[in-house]
C-alpha atoms as a PDB file:
ATOM      1  CA  HIS A   1      -5.124 -15.482 -17.059  1.00  0.00           C
ATOM      2  CA  ALA A   2      -4.678 -18.941 -15.560  1.00  0.00           C
ATOM      3  CA  SER A   3      -5.619 -20.553 -18.895  1.00  0.00           C
ATOM      4  CA  ASN A   4      -4.041 -18.375 -21.398  1.00  0.00           C
ATOM      5  CA  VAL A   5      -1.125 -16.826 -19.647  1.00  0.00           C
ATOM      6  CA  VAL A   6       0.008 -19.035 -16.678  1.00  0.00           C
ATOM      7  CA  ARG A   7      -1.309 -21.958 -18.836  1.00  0.00           C
ATOM      8  CA  VAL A   8      -2.040 -24.226 -15.724  1.00  0.00           C
ATOM      9  CA  ARG A   9      -3.052 -28.042 -16.716  1.00  0.00           C
ATOM     10  CA  SER A  10      -5.070 -30.687 -15.181  1.00  0.00           C
ATOM     11  CA  GLY A  11      -3.493 -32.010 -12.168  1.00  0.00           C
ATOM     12  CA  GLU A  12      -1.307 -29.081 -11.333  1.00  0.00           C
ATOM     13  CA  ASP A  13      -1.422 -27.818  -7.607  1.00  0.00           C
ATOM     14  CA  VAL A  14      -2.622 -24.253  -7.409  1.00  0.00           C
ATOM     15  CA  VAL A  15      -3.117 -21.787  -4.597  1.00  0.00           C
ATOM     16  CA  LEU A  16      -5.996 -19.244  -4.718  1.00  0.00           C
ATOM     17  CA  PHE A  17      -6.647 -16.289  -2.471  1.00  0.00           C
ATOM     18  CA  ASP A  18      -9.635 -13.764  -2.092  1.00  0.00           C
ATOM     19  CA  GLY A  19      -7.672 -10.762  -0.908  1.00  0.00           C
ATOM     20  CA  ARG A  20      -9.287 -10.885   2.535  1.00  0.00           C
ATOM     21  CA  GLY A  21      -6.856 -13.401   4.269  1.00  0.00           C
ATOM     22  CA  VAL A  22      -8.302 -16.683   2.840  1.00  0.00           C
ATOM     23  CA  GLU A  23      -6.071 -19.056   0.764  1.00  0.00           C
ATOM     24  CA  VAL A  24      -7.468 -22.126  -0.787  1.00  0.00           C
ATOM     25  CA  PHE A  25      -5.251 -25.010  -1.989  1.00  0.00           C
ATOM     26  CA  GLY A  26      -6.083 -27.479  -4.700  1.00  0.00           C
ATOM     27  CA  LYS A  27      -5.599 -29.183  -8.006  1.00  0.00           C
ATOM     28  CA  VAL A  28      -6.742 -28.156 -11.381  1.00  0.00           C
ATOM     29  CA  LEU A  29      -9.568 -30.414 -12.680  1.00  0.00           C
ATOM     30  CA  GLY A  30      -9.556 -28.719 -16.193  1.00  0.00           C
ATOM     31  CA  THR A  31      -9.568 -25.624 -18.010  1.00  0.00           C
ATOM     32  CA  GLU A  32     -12.086 -23.699 -20.445  1.00  0.00           C
ATOM     33  CA  ARG A  33     -11.592 -20.606 -22.412  1.00  0.00           C
ATOM     34  CA  ARG A  34     -13.241 -18.358 -19.700  1.00  0.00           C
ATOM     35  CA  GLY A  35     -12.519 -20.466 -16.606  1.00  0.00           C
ATOM     36  CA  VAL A  36     -10.484 -22.931 -14.658  1.00  0.00           C
ATOM     37  CA  ALA A  37     -12.060 -25.797 -12.317  1.00  0.00           C
ATOM     38  CA  VAL A  38     -10.216 -26.624  -9.194  1.00  0.00           C
ATOM     39  CA  ALA A  39     -10.812 -29.267  -6.627  1.00  0.00           C
ATOM     40  CA  VAL A  40     -10.198 -27.794  -3.213  1.00  0.00           C
ATOM     41  CA  ASP A  41      -7.948 -29.856  -0.726  1.00  0.00           C
ATOM     42  CA  ARG A  42      -7.856 -27.274   2.203  1.00  0.00           C
ATOM     43  CA  ARG A  43      -8.799 -23.888   3.148  1.00  0.00           C
ATOM     44  CA  VAL A  44      -6.706 -21.594   5.486  1.00  0.00           C
ATOM     45  CA  GLU A  45      -7.727 -18.246   6.913  1.00  0.00           C
ATOM     46  CA  HIS A  46      -5.131 -15.839   7.946  1.00  0.00           C
ATOM     47  CA  PRO A  47      -6.054 -13.137  10.646  1.00  0.00           C
ATOM     48  CA  ALA A  48      -5.579  -9.399   9.861  1.00  0.00           C
ATOM     49  CA  VAL A  49      -2.457  -7.938  11.171  1.00  0.00           C
ATOM     50  CA  PRO A  50      -2.728  -5.960  14.445  1.00  0.00           C
ATOM     51  CA  GLN A  51      -1.233  -2.784  13.130  1.00  0.00           C
ATOM     52  CA  ARG A  52      -2.291  -1.341   9.595  1.00  0.00           C
ATOM     53  CA  LEU A  53      -0.336   1.058   7.594  1.00  0.00           C
ATOM     54  CA  THR A  54      -2.038   3.467   5.349  1.00  0.00           C
ATOM     55  CA  LEU A  55      -0.125   5.629   2.922  1.00  0.00           C
ATOM     56  CA  VAL A  56      -1.780   9.140   2.084  1.00  0.00           C
ATOM     57  CA  CYS A  57       0.067  10.109  -1.172  1.00  0.00           C
ATOM     58  CA  GLY A  58      -0.131  13.040  -3.543  1.00  0.00           C
ATOM     59  CA  ALA A  59      -0.964  12.128  -7.037  1.00  0.00           C
ATOM     60  CA  LEU A  60       2.371  11.797  -9.153  1.00  0.00           C
ATOM     61  CA  HIS A  61       2.846  12.935 -12.647  1.00  0.00           C
ATOM     62  CA  ARG A  62       3.713   9.500 -14.125  1.00  0.00           C
ATOM     63  CA  ASP A  63       1.530   6.418 -14.319  1.00  0.00           C
ATOM     64  CA  LYS A  64       4.659   4.277 -13.810  1.00  0.00           C
ATOM     65  CA  SER A  65       5.782   6.121 -10.680  1.00  0.00           C
ATOM     66  CA  ILE A  66       2.415   5.375  -9.154  1.00  0.00           C
ATOM     67  CA  ASP A  67       2.568   1.671 -10.338  1.00  0.00           C
ATOM     68  CA  ASP A  68       6.062   1.292  -8.745  1.00  0.00           C
ATOM     69  CA  LEU A  69       4.827   2.968  -5.493  1.00  0.00           C
ATOM     70  CA  ILE A  70       1.994   0.402  -5.195  1.00  0.00           C
ATOM     71  CA  ARG A  71       4.186  -2.414  -6.221  1.00  0.00           C
ATOM     72  CA  ARG A  72       7.067  -1.745  -3.549  1.00  0.00           C
ATOM     73  CA  CYS A  73       4.679  -0.775  -0.758  1.00  0.00           C
ATOM     74  CA  ALA A  74       2.228  -3.737  -1.219  1.00  0.00           C
ATOM     75  CA  GLU A  75       5.214  -5.889  -1.432  1.00  0.00           C
ATOM     76  CA  VAL A  76       5.941  -5.231   2.362  1.00  0.00           C
ATOM     77  CA  GLY A  77       2.311  -5.075   3.568  1.00  0.00           C
ATOM     78  CA  THR A  78       0.986  -1.566   3.225  1.00  0.00           C
ATOM     79  CA  ALA A  79      -2.788  -2.147   3.932  1.00  0.00           C
ATOM     80  CA  SER A  80      -4.210   1.025   2.326  1.00  0.00           C
ATOM     81  CA  PHE A  81      -3.410   3.823  -0.139  1.00  0.00           C
ATOM     82  CA  ARG A  82      -5.257   7.003  -0.272  1.00  0.00           C
ATOM     83  CA  PHE A  83      -4.126   9.190  -3.214  1.00  0.00           C
ATOM     84  CA  PHE A  84      -5.296  12.773  -3.510  1.00  0.00           C
ATOM     85  CA  ARG A  85      -4.944  15.654  -5.896  1.00  0.00           C
ATOM     86  CA  ALA A  86      -2.267  17.909  -4.327  1.00  0.00           C
ATOM     87  CA  THR A  87      -1.574  21.520  -5.143  1.00  0.00           C
ATOM     88  CA  HIS A  88       1.537  20.511  -6.927  1.00  0.00           C
ATOM     89  CA  SER A  89       0.013  17.395  -8.729  1.00  0.00           C
ATOM     90  CA  GLU A  90      -0.155  18.147 -12.391  1.00  0.00           C
ATOM     91  CA  ARG A  91      -2.969  15.652 -12.741  1.00  0.00           C
ATOM     92  CA  PRO A  92      -5.640  14.096 -10.631  1.00  0.00           C
ATOM     93  CA  PRO A  93      -5.302  10.415  -9.720  1.00  0.00           C
ATOM     94  CA  ARG A  94      -6.585   8.162 -12.468  1.00  0.00           C
ATOM     95  CA  ASP A  95      -7.487   4.560 -13.583  1.00  0.00           C
ATOM     96  CA  LEU A  96      -8.369   3.228 -10.274  1.00  0.00           C
ATOM     97  CA  GLU A  97      -8.868  -0.434 -11.832  1.00  0.00           C
ATOM     98  CA  LYS A  98      -5.429  -0.526 -13.111  1.00  0.00           C
ATOM     99  CA  LEU A  99      -3.903   0.290  -9.891  1.00  0.00           C
ATOM    100  CA  ARG A 100      -6.036  -2.575  -8.395  1.00  0.00           C
ATOM    101  CA  ARG A 101      -4.740  -5.073 -10.909  1.00  0.00           C
ATOM    102  CA  VAL A 102      -1.199  -3.971  -9.992  1.00  0.00           C
ATOM    103  CA  ALA A 103      -1.757  -4.681  -6.305  1.00  0.00           C
ATOM    104  CA  ILE A 104      -3.402  -7.955  -7.055  1.00  0.00           C
ATOM    105  CA  GLU A 105      -0.513  -9.099  -9.237  1.00  0.00           C
ATOM    106  CA  THR A 106       2.000  -7.761  -6.435  1.00  0.00           C
ATOM    107  CA  CYS A 107       0.174  -9.746  -3.868  1.00  0.00           C
ATOM    108  CA  LYS A 108       0.114 -12.961  -6.132  1.00  0.00           C
ATOM    109  CA  GLN A 109       3.864 -12.749  -6.689  1.00  0.00           C
ATOM    110  CA  CYS A 110       4.780 -12.114  -2.982  1.00  0.00           C
ATOM    111  CA  GLY A 111       2.376 -14.485  -1.348  1.00  0.00           C
ATOM    112  CA  LYS A 112       0.391 -11.631   0.459  1.00  0.00           C
ATOM    113  CA  VAL A 113      -3.248 -12.898   1.236  1.00  0.00           C
ATOM    114  CA  TRP A 114      -4.585  -9.424   2.225  1.00  0.00           C
ATOM    115  CA  LEU A 115      -5.290  -7.084  -0.829  1.00  0.00           C
ATOM    116  CA  PRO A 116      -4.628  -3.492  -0.203  1.00  0.00           C
ATOM    117  CA  THR A 117      -7.343  -0.946  -0.537  1.00  0.00           C
ATOM    118  CA  ILE A 118      -6.796   1.902  -3.040  1.00  0.00           C
ATOM    119  CA  THR A 119      -8.937   4.940  -3.251  1.00  0.00           C
ATOM    120  CA  PHE A 120      -8.888   8.515  -4.933  1.00  0.00           C
ATOM    121  CA  HIS A 121      -9.761  11.795  -3.149  1.00  0.00           C
ATOM    122  CA  THR A 122      -9.954  15.358  -4.319  1.00  0.00           C
ATOM    123  CA  GLY A 123      -7.566  16.942  -1.891  1.00  0.00           C
ATOM    124  CA  LEU A 124      -5.732  16.276   1.358  1.00  0.00           C
ATOM    125  CA  ALA A 125      -8.539  17.145   3.483  1.00  0.00           C
ATOM    126  CA  ASP A 126     -10.815  14.551   1.809  1.00  0.00           C
ATOM    127  CA  ALA A 127      -8.004  11.817   1.829  1.00  0.00           C
ATOM    128  CA  LEU A 128      -7.552  12.413   5.685  1.00  0.00           C
ATOM    129  CA  ASP A 129     -11.096  12.072   6.564  1.00  0.00           C
ATOM    130  CA  GLY A 130     -11.563   8.503   7.938  1.00  0.00           C
ATOM    131  CA  VAL A 131      -7.760   7.668   8.541  1.00  0.00           C
ATOM    132  CA  THR A 132      -7.400   5.806  11.898  1.00  0.00           C
ATOM    133  CA  GLY A 133      -4.449   5.537  14.340  1.00  0.00           C
ATOM    134  CA  ARG A 134      -1.521   7.907  14.586  1.00  0.00           C
ATOM    135  CA  LEU A 135      -1.070  10.336  11.716  1.00  0.00           C
ATOM    136  CA  LEU A 136       2.403  11.256  10.448  1.00  0.00           C
ATOM    137  CA  ILE A 137       3.617  13.591   7.591  1.00  0.00           C
ATOM    138  CA  ALA A 138       6.958  13.067   5.878  1.00  0.00           C
ATOM    139  CA  LYS A 139       8.608  16.514   5.485  1.00  0.00           C
ATOM    140  CA  PHE A 140      11.963  18.339   5.971  1.00  0.00           C
ATOM    141  CA  GLY A 141      12.547  20.272   9.079  1.00  0.00           C
ATOM    142  CA  ASP A 142      14.163  20.252  12.650  1.00  0.00           C
ATOM    143  CA  ASP A 143      10.708  19.406  14.300  1.00  0.00           C
ATOM    144  CA  ALA A 144      10.739  15.832  12.947  1.00  0.00           C
ATOM    145  CA  VAL A 145      10.241  12.883  15.275  1.00  0.00           C
ATOM    146  CA  PRO A 146      12.116   9.480  14.752  1.00  0.00           C
ATOM    147  CA  LEU A 147       9.779   6.964  13.048  1.00  0.00           C
ATOM    148  CA  ARG A 148      10.721   4.509  15.707  1.00  0.00           C
ATOM    149  CA  ASP A 149       9.235   6.727  18.295  1.00  0.00           C
ATOM    150  CA  ALA A 150       6.243   7.357  16.490  1.00  0.00           C
ATOM    151  CA  LEU A 151       5.367   3.622  16.085  1.00  0.00           C
ATOM    152  CA  ARG A 152       5.915   2.644  19.803  1.00  0.00           C
ATOM    153  CA  ASP A 153       2.237   2.710  20.737  1.00  0.00           C
ATOM    154  CA  GLN A 154       1.546  -0.113  18.191  1.00  0.00           C
ATOM    155  CA  SER A 155      -1.703   1.511  16.913  1.00  0.00           C
ATOM    156  CA  ASP A 156      -2.585   1.888  13.231  1.00  0.00           C
ATOM    157  CA  VAL A 157      -0.437   4.442  11.461  1.00  0.00           C
ATOM    158  CA  SER A 158      -1.271   6.781   8.436  1.00  0.00           C
ATOM    159  CA  ILE A 159       1.724   8.579   6.785  1.00  0.00           C
ATOM    160  CA  VAL A 160       1.208  11.628   4.451  1.00  0.00           C
ATOM    161  CA  VAL A 161       3.636  11.609   1.544  1.00  0.00           C
ATOM    162  CA  GLY A 162       3.877  14.466  -1.094  1.00  0.00           C
ATOM    163  CA  PRO A 163       4.044  14.450  -4.769  1.00  0.00           C
ATOM    164  CA  GLU A 164       6.894  15.820  -7.007  1.00  0.00           C
ATOM    165  CA  GLY A 165       7.288  19.367  -5.911  1.00  0.00           C
ATOM    166  CA  ASP A 166       6.367  18.422  -2.342  1.00  0.00           C
ATOM    167  CA  PHE A 167       3.425  19.749  -0.230  1.00  0.00           C
ATOM    168  CA  SER A 168       2.146  23.286  -0.231  1.00  0.00           C
ATOM    169  CA  ALA A 169       2.383  25.537   2.899  1.00  0.00           C
ATOM    170  CA  GLU A 170      -1.318  25.017   3.219  1.00  0.00           C
ATOM    171  CA  GLU A 171      -1.140  21.325   2.973  1.00  0.00           C
ATOM    172  CA  ILE A 172       1.453  21.007   5.637  1.00  0.00           C
ATOM    173  CA  GLU A 173      -0.684  23.289   8.041  1.00  0.00           C
ATOM    174  CA  LEU A 174      -3.675  21.321   7.149  1.00  0.00           C
ATOM    175  CA  ALA A 175      -2.010  17.971   8.383  1.00  0.00           C
ATOM    176  CA  LEU A 176      -0.630  19.499  11.284  1.00  0.00           C
ATOM    177  CA  ALA A 177      -3.925  20.815  12.359  1.00  0.00           C
ATOM    178  CA  ARG A 178      -5.173  17.343  12.119  1.00  0.00           C
ATOM    179  CA  GLY A 179      -2.699  16.108  14.524  1.00  0.00           C
ATOM    180  CA  ALA A 180      -0.147  14.892  12.400  1.00  0.00           C
ATOM    181  CA  LEU A 181       3.460  14.588  13.614  1.00  0.00           C
ATOM    182  CA  PRO A 182       6.280  15.685  11.217  1.00  0.00           C
ATOM    183  CA  LEU A 183       8.609  12.780  10.224  1.00  0.00           C
ATOM    184  CA  SER A 184      11.879  12.900   8.403  1.00  0.00           C
ATOM    185  CA  LEU A 185      13.988  10.442   6.465  1.00  0.00           C
ATOM    186  CA  GLY A 186      17.129  12.539   6.884  1.00  0.00           C
ATOM    187  CA  ASP A 187      18.937  14.868   4.647  1.00  0.00           C
ATOM    188  CA  THR A 188      18.368  13.152   1.455  1.00  0.00           C
ATOM    189  CA  ARG A 189      15.566  14.284  -0.748  1.00  0.00           C
ATOM    190  CA  PHE A 190      13.992  11.211  -2.109  1.00  0.00           C
ATOM    191  CA  ARG A 191      11.569  10.599  -5.139  1.00  0.00           C
ATOM    192  CA  ALA A 192       8.062  10.254  -3.801  1.00  0.00           C
ATOM    193  CA  GLU A 193       7.697   6.583  -4.479  1.00  0.00           C
ATOM    194  CA  ALA A 194      11.153   5.887  -2.926  1.00  0.00           C
ATOM    195  CA  ALA A 195      10.110   7.820   0.228  1.00  0.00           C
ATOM    196  CA  ALA A 196       6.712   5.897   0.361  1.00  0.00           C
ATOM    197  CA  ALA A 197       8.584   2.615   0.025  1.00  0.00           C
ATOM    198  CA  LEU A 198      11.369   3.224   2.582  1.00  0.00           C
ATOM    199  CA  LEU A 199       8.661   4.579   5.078  1.00  0.00           C
ATOM    200  CA  SER A 200       6.652   1.335   4.540  1.00  0.00           C
ATOM    201  CA  ALA A 201       9.496  -0.849   4.732  1.00  0.00           C
ATOM    202  CA  VAL A 202      10.814   0.823   8.219  1.00  0.00           C
ATOM    203  CA  ALA A 203       7.352   0.668   9.585  1.00  0.00           C
ATOM    204  CA  GLN A 204       6.947  -3.164   8.920  1.00  0.00           C
ATOM    205  CA  TYR A 205      10.465  -3.823  10.261  1.00  0.00           C
ATOM    206  CA  GLU A 206       9.634  -1.911  13.470  1.00  0.00           C
ATOM    207  CA  TRP A 207       6.576  -3.903  13.784  1.00  0.00           C
ATOM    208  CA  GLY A 208       8.531  -7.184  13.520  1.00  0.00           C
ATOM    209  CA  ARG A 209       7.348  -8.325  10.171  1.00  0.00           C
ATOM    210  CA  LEU A 210      10.616  -8.241   8.212  1.00  0.00           C
ATOM    211  CA  GLY A 211      12.628 -10.662  10.185  1.00  0.00           C
ATOM    212  CA  PRO A 212      13.946 -10.453  13.806  1.00  0.00           C
ATOM    213  CA  VAL A 213      14.148  -6.965  15.208  1.00  0.00           C
END
């Protein structure tokens, strides 16, 4: 990619990252058909953020919608994506490697040095196994809590977002039984990828990562 697409040349300054918080700054020594040699000038390690946001998402019908969800949410710092086959998902999650490439491209463009993890799950119960911190579920209803209140204890947060067609009653019951708090984005019915991006951005803002609060 560096040789044939970006077309880096000898002497150019480059920045490399490993997806785990490490950046390497250096100069290109030379390029070959399947590799680029870089002379390292310095190495910087960035600590992980104190609160991590996980999105637990029902599989969407269109590949482009899932790509857009990954891009928009990775841009603002979502740490983990857990896609599951929901009752109203037409197809199971697919092509994990393609989604990882989308995440890598997004992190490169935005200067994010921590690459989000992406996993596929057979259903919501499987996707919720192993999630950490406070659990929230985005749904309509009068019982919803404000996102700001849900984020006040500064712990990790996992937010469950439904697919097109929303959750089934059984999925909502399962999430609530696992301790999820209902969360609302108001009266507007957003597309799943838009809801995920909005929730991700608001959470990062409340944590003080999108400028002064």
